[in-house]
N, C-alpha and C. Protein backbone atom coordinates (compact mmCIF):
# COMPACT_ATOMS: atom_id res chain seq x y z
N MET A 1 119.04 141.62 47.84
CA MET A 1 120.36 141.60 47.31
C MET A 1 119.99 141.51 45.71
N TYR A 2 120.62 142.10 44.87
CA TYR A 2 120.21 142.05 43.49
C TYR A 2 121.29 141.13 42.77
N THR A 3 120.55 140.05 41.87
CA THR A 3 121.47 139.19 41.33
C THR A 3 121.07 139.13 39.54
N GLN A 4 121.78 139.17 38.94
CA GLN A 4 121.26 139.04 37.25
C GLN A 4 121.26 137.58 36.79
N LEU A 5 120.38 137.16 36.34
CA LEU A 5 120.09 135.79 36.03
C LEU A 5 119.71 135.75 34.45
N ASN A 6 120.04 134.65 33.53
CA ASN A 6 119.74 134.44 31.82
C ASN A 6 118.43 133.49 32.58
N VAL A 7 117.83 133.21 32.00
CA VAL A 7 116.51 132.66 32.76
C VAL A 7 115.46 132.36 30.96
N ASP A 8 115.24 131.15 30.71
CA ASP A 8 114.51 130.75 29.59
C ASP A 8 112.76 131.59 30.06
N VAL A 9 112.17 132.38 28.98
CA VAL A 9 111.22 133.31 29.99
C VAL A 9 109.72 132.40 29.54
N ASP A 10 109.94 131.35 28.86
CA ASP A 10 109.02 130.32 28.79
C ASP A 10 108.76 129.33 30.07
N LEU A 11 110.31 128.90 30.58
CA LEU A 11 110.04 128.34 31.51
C LEU A 11 109.90 129.39 32.89
N LEU A 12 110.29 130.37 32.93
CA LEU A 12 110.01 131.35 34.14
C LEU A 12 108.35 131.59 34.29
N ALA A 13 107.98 131.69 32.94
CA ALA A 13 106.51 132.17 33.01
C ALA A 13 105.58 131.28 33.26
N LYS A 14 106.04 129.54 33.27
CA LYS A 14 105.10 128.30 33.37
C LYS A 14 105.53 128.17 34.89
N ALA A 15 106.64 128.81 35.66
CA ALA A 15 107.09 128.40 36.70
C ALA A 15 105.95 129.64 37.41
N LYS A 16 105.97 130.42 37.32
CA LYS A 16 105.38 131.81 37.80
C LYS A 16 103.85 131.59 37.54
N GLN A 17 103.04 130.37 36.89
CA GLN A 17 101.61 130.36 36.60
C GLN A 17 101.66 129.29 37.76
N ILE A 18 102.35 128.15 37.93
CA ILE A 18 102.11 127.13 38.57
C ILE A 18 102.26 127.59 40.39
N LEU A 19 103.36 128.52 40.46
CA LEU A 19 103.64 128.83 41.82
C LEU A 19 102.30 130.16 42.16
N ASP A 20 102.01 130.59 40.84
CA ASP A 20 100.70 131.31 41.24
C ASP A 20 101.20 133.08 41.74
N VAL A 21 102.34 133.41 41.22
CA VAL A 21 103.16 134.43 41.73
C VAL A 21 103.33 135.53 40.40
N LYS A 22 103.32 136.61 40.28
CA LYS A 22 103.37 137.48 39.49
C LYS A 22 104.72 138.33 39.37
N ASP A 23 105.64 138.22 40.13
CA ASP A 23 106.99 138.46 40.23
C ASP A 23 107.88 137.49 39.90
N ASP A 24 108.64 138.04 38.95
CA ASP A 24 109.54 137.14 38.66
C ASP A 24 110.80 136.92 39.63
N ALA A 25 111.01 137.57 40.59
CA ALA A 25 112.24 137.48 41.77
C ALA A 25 111.25 136.67 42.65
N LYS A 26 110.22 136.68 42.97
CA LYS A 26 109.19 135.83 43.81
C LYS A 26 109.19 134.62 43.19
N ALA A 27 108.91 134.42 42.11
CA ALA A 27 108.70 132.58 41.52
C ALA A 27 110.15 132.07 41.81
N VAL A 28 111.47 132.99 41.46
CA VAL A 28 112.73 132.15 41.63
C VAL A 28 113.09 132.15 43.16
N GLU A 29 112.51 132.92 43.87
CA GLU A 29 112.99 132.75 45.46
C GLU A 29 111.68 131.55 45.92
N VAL A 30 110.77 131.03 45.71
CA VAL A 30 109.81 129.89 45.76
C VAL A 30 110.18 128.77 45.29
N ALA A 31 110.52 129.01 44.05
CA ALA A 31 111.52 127.83 43.55
C ALA A 31 112.83 126.98 44.41
N LEU A 32 113.22 128.30 44.52
CA LEU A 32 114.69 127.58 45.29
C LEU A 32 114.33 127.38 46.77
N GLU A 33 113.28 127.92 47.23
CA GLU A 33 113.04 127.41 48.72
C GLU A 33 112.60 125.96 48.51
N ASN A 34 111.66 125.83 47.92
CA ASN A 34 111.01 124.43 47.47
C ASN A 34 112.24 123.62 46.75
N ILE A 35 113.40 123.89 46.36
CA ILE A 35 114.34 122.76 46.03
C ILE A 35 115.20 122.63 47.16
N VAL A 36 114.96 123.65 48.24
CA VAL A 36 115.99 123.27 49.51
C VAL A 36 114.96 122.32 50.13
N ARG A 37 113.83 122.44 50.33
CA ARG A 37 112.92 121.67 51.09
C ARG A 37 112.98 120.52 50.68
N HIS A 38 112.77 120.11 49.54
CA HIS A 38 112.86 118.83 48.76
C HIS A 38 114.10 118.05 48.95
N ASN A 39 114.93 118.80 48.85
CA ASN A 39 116.40 118.14 49.45
C ASN A 39 116.48 117.61 51.05
N LYS A 40 116.05 118.22 51.58
CA LYS A 40 116.12 118.07 53.35
C LYS A 40 114.99 116.86 53.30
N LEU A 41 114.04 116.95 53.13
CA LEU A 41 113.00 115.80 52.85
C LEU A 41 113.76 114.60 52.45
N GLN A 42 114.78 114.78 51.37
CA GLN A 42 115.28 113.58 50.50
C GLN A 42 116.09 112.90 51.44
N ASN A 43 116.97 113.87 52.33
CA ASN A 43 117.88 113.50 53.65
C ASN A 43 117.59 112.83 54.55
N LEU A 44 116.26 113.39 55.01
CA LEU A 44 115.62 112.67 56.25
C LEU A 44 114.97 111.22 55.61
N LYS A 45 114.58 111.08 54.52
CA LYS A 45 114.21 109.88 54.10
C LYS A 45 115.17 108.46 54.07
N SER A 46 116.30 109.21 53.88
CA SER A 46 117.35 108.17 53.73
C SER A 46 117.84 107.23 55.25
N TYR A 47 116.87 108.05 56.12
CA TYR A 47 117.50 107.35 57.53
C TYR A 47 116.30 106.77 57.93
N TYR A 48 115.33 106.93 57.05
CA TYR A 48 113.99 105.35 57.29
C TYR A 48 114.40 104.05 57.43
N GLY A 49 114.26 103.52 58.71
CA GLY A 49 114.40 102.47 59.06
C GLY A 49 116.05 102.08 59.68
N LYS A 50 116.56 102.96 59.80
CA LYS A 50 117.88 103.00 60.18
C LYS A 50 118.14 103.43 61.51
N LEU A 51 116.94 104.20 61.97
CA LEU A 51 117.31 104.70 63.30
C LEU A 51 116.18 104.01 64.24
N ASP A 52 116.95 103.46 65.55
CA ASP A 52 115.68 103.08 66.68
C ASP A 52 115.66 104.06 67.86
N LEU A 53 114.59 104.92 67.85
CA LEU A 53 114.47 106.13 68.69
C LEU A 53 113.63 105.47 69.61
N ASP A 54 112.99 103.98 70.11
CA ASP A 54 112.47 103.77 71.36
C ASP A 54 111.65 104.48 71.91
N ILE A 55 110.39 104.88 70.97
CA ILE A 55 109.59 106.12 71.77
C ILE A 55 108.46 105.21 71.56
N ASP A 56 107.81 105.45 72.86
CA ASP A 56 106.66 104.89 73.22
C ASP A 56 105.18 105.90 72.74
N LEU A 57 104.53 105.73 71.99
CA LEU A 57 103.92 107.08 71.46
C LEU A 57 102.62 107.22 72.11
N ASP A 58 102.38 105.77 72.62
CA ASP A 58 101.08 106.60 73.78
C ASP A 58 101.36 107.25 74.93
N SER A 59 102.18 107.24 75.50
CA SER A 59 103.20 107.66 76.71
C SER A 59 103.47 109.28 76.05
N LEU A 60 104.02 109.55 74.89
CA LEU A 60 103.96 110.78 74.45
C LEU A 60 102.86 111.55 74.35
N ARG A 61 101.91 110.97 73.62
CA ARG A 61 100.12 111.31 73.42
C ARG A 61 99.83 111.69 75.03
N ARG A 62 99.96 110.81 75.71
CA ARG A 62 99.83 111.28 77.12
C ARG A 62 100.31 112.58 77.83
N ARG A 63 101.19 112.55 77.53
CA ARG A 63 102.25 113.82 78.21
C ARG A 63 101.57 114.88 77.47
N THR A 64 101.39 114.78 76.07
CA THR A 64 101.36 116.17 75.12
C THR A 64 100.27 116.51 75.88
N ARG A 65 98.90 115.77 75.83
CA ARG A 65 97.72 115.91 76.55
C ARG A 65 97.69 116.40 77.96
N ASN A 66 98.17 116.14 78.54
CA ASN A 66 98.38 116.84 80.15
C ASN A 66 98.71 117.86 80.04
N GLU A 67 100.19 118.15 79.31
CA GLU A 67 100.74 119.79 79.26
C GLU A 67 99.63 120.62 78.64
N LEU A 68 98.90 120.16 77.79
CA LEU A 68 98.11 120.95 77.30
C LEU A 68 96.76 121.61 78.18
N LYS A 69 96.18 120.40 78.72
CA LYS A 69 95.68 120.81 80.16
C LYS A 69 96.07 121.45 80.93
N GLY A 70 97.19 121.73 81.59
CA GLY A 70 97.93 122.26 82.17
C GLY A 70 98.20 123.79 81.78
N ALA A 71 98.31 123.77 80.32
CA ALA A 71 98.34 125.13 79.70
C ALA A 71 96.79 125.67 79.79
N ILE A 72 96.03 125.11 79.74
CA ILE A 72 94.82 125.81 79.63
C ILE A 72 93.98 126.27 80.84
N ASN A 73 94.27 125.24 81.79
CA ASN A 73 93.97 125.73 83.52
C ASN A 73 94.73 126.73 84.13
């Protein structure tokens, strides 16, 4: 998809350097992906302490180990 944007060239250059990409479009794409990821993490953080999942971590760990052993054998 082709989209034309007016972007500050100095800001784009800094973003390309930080993101270690050479292509302008790739820099914008990676930056947008990072914004979306950050937003999802912020939304998840808002649930911290509000959910009671009643999970027994030891039981979960044992189950995972047993499943892995079964897959290997």
